[in-house]
Amino acid sequence: MYEGKLVFSQLMDHLPQHTFRRCVERFGGDRSVKSFSCQDQFRCMAFAQLTYRDSLRDAVTCLNAQQAKLYHMGVRGLVRRSTLADANERRDWRLYAAFASALIVTARRLYAGDRFGADLAGAAYALDTTTIDLCLSLFPWARFQHAKGAVKLHTMLDLRGDIPVVVHIDDGKSYDTDILDVMIPEPGAIYVMDRGFLDLVRLHQLGAVGAFFVVRAKTKQRVRRLASRPDDRTSGVICDQTVVMTGRQSNRRYPARLRRIRYRDPQSGKTLFFLTNNFDIPPRTVADLYRCRWRIELFFKWIKQHLRIRSFFGNSENAVKTQIWIAVAVYVLIAIVKKRLALDASLYTILQMLSVTAFEKTPLNQLLDPGSNPNQTRQSSNQLNLFND
């Protein structure tokens, strides 16, 4: 007898199905499809992400081992390795990119009021790029070097909740600053970047639309000091200056004034230089913002370790991008569930628990709440009470 939903189905219930259907219709995902729909494809690939499957054959074998439960997981078509491989090869990856973007909007609303370690009321984003190595003989379209293949994952992370707002997948030869060309700057927001993003032309364009930036500068960056502000060296701030770029090319690329802050990290003793076009926030806040930028490095480390984006189930560009975007959707879905159920557990803990309980029927909030005992609750609901009057 069926007694409640599977854990996997409860997790999928947090997805906006009407939005998914609109994405399918927009890109014609189910056009001429008879048995294995985009919904089936997404759920099979999401299962592979959640349960650490290493290959397509591995995922299909595990699913077919629970054949009687596939219908309750929302999978209506027959699960075959060739069918799933063809779907990853042929169905437009932009479908899943659009759906993941819709989930990102939902997650950002849920985490809008969170604090992130810097005394700042407005929005703040960290930008960075990570490289995913590929075998050139298997992925000839992803040429990076002479005998090496790779794709780059350009990401803009909302520091409130660590939600990836912009994800741009490009070939390994692309530059870190390419994400500045595809994102839409938000006036009043602060964008935190490392030295690889020190492109004066793009930074000037960012400031022209009313956005702010904090970028780590090179130690020998040539500038001319116009004024200095009082600094509190007990906080680690050595100097806080108003500067302009010197040199014919630099001054032409960024003709406006900049704020240059020199900061010594009290823990490591390392001296860092920052450039920003925001003259209102305290200098220590600038240093705190750059320290928060490390969270995007942790994001890259997390998804590489706990999601399947280093071993791919298909060799085509479409299959690779499909798998990456579904991995992003799964990450954001877990973040949404964590917030909606008010869970104290980390994303890693939640993912670990889901990976071994996907086919169980324990209520999701009891399973993920470390203060409850879902096994005891389930036994008591099925056991007869001998002492009933």
Foldseek 3Di string as FASTA:
>chain_A
DDDFAFLLQVLCVLADVVQLVVLCVVQVQCPVPDFFGVQLLLLLLLLCFLQVQQALVSSLVVCVVPVVCCVSSVGGGRDDSVVSQVSLVPGFLVSLVSSLLVLLVVLCVLLVPADQFFPDNDWEKEKDKDKFWDQCVLAVVQDQDPGTGIKMWTFIFTSRLRATNDTDIGHNNDASCVVLVVDDADAPYEYEYEASNPDLQSQQVNVVVRYKYKYWHDPPQAWAFDDWDDDDCVLFWPTKTKIAHDDDVRCVSHVDIWIWTWGQDPPPRDITIMIMPDPPDDPSSSVRSNVSSCVVVVVVVVLVVSGPLRRFHHRYPSSNSNSVSSSSSSLSSLSSVCSVLVAPDDSVVLSVQCNVRRRPRFPNSQSRHPVHDRVVVVVVVPDDDPPDD
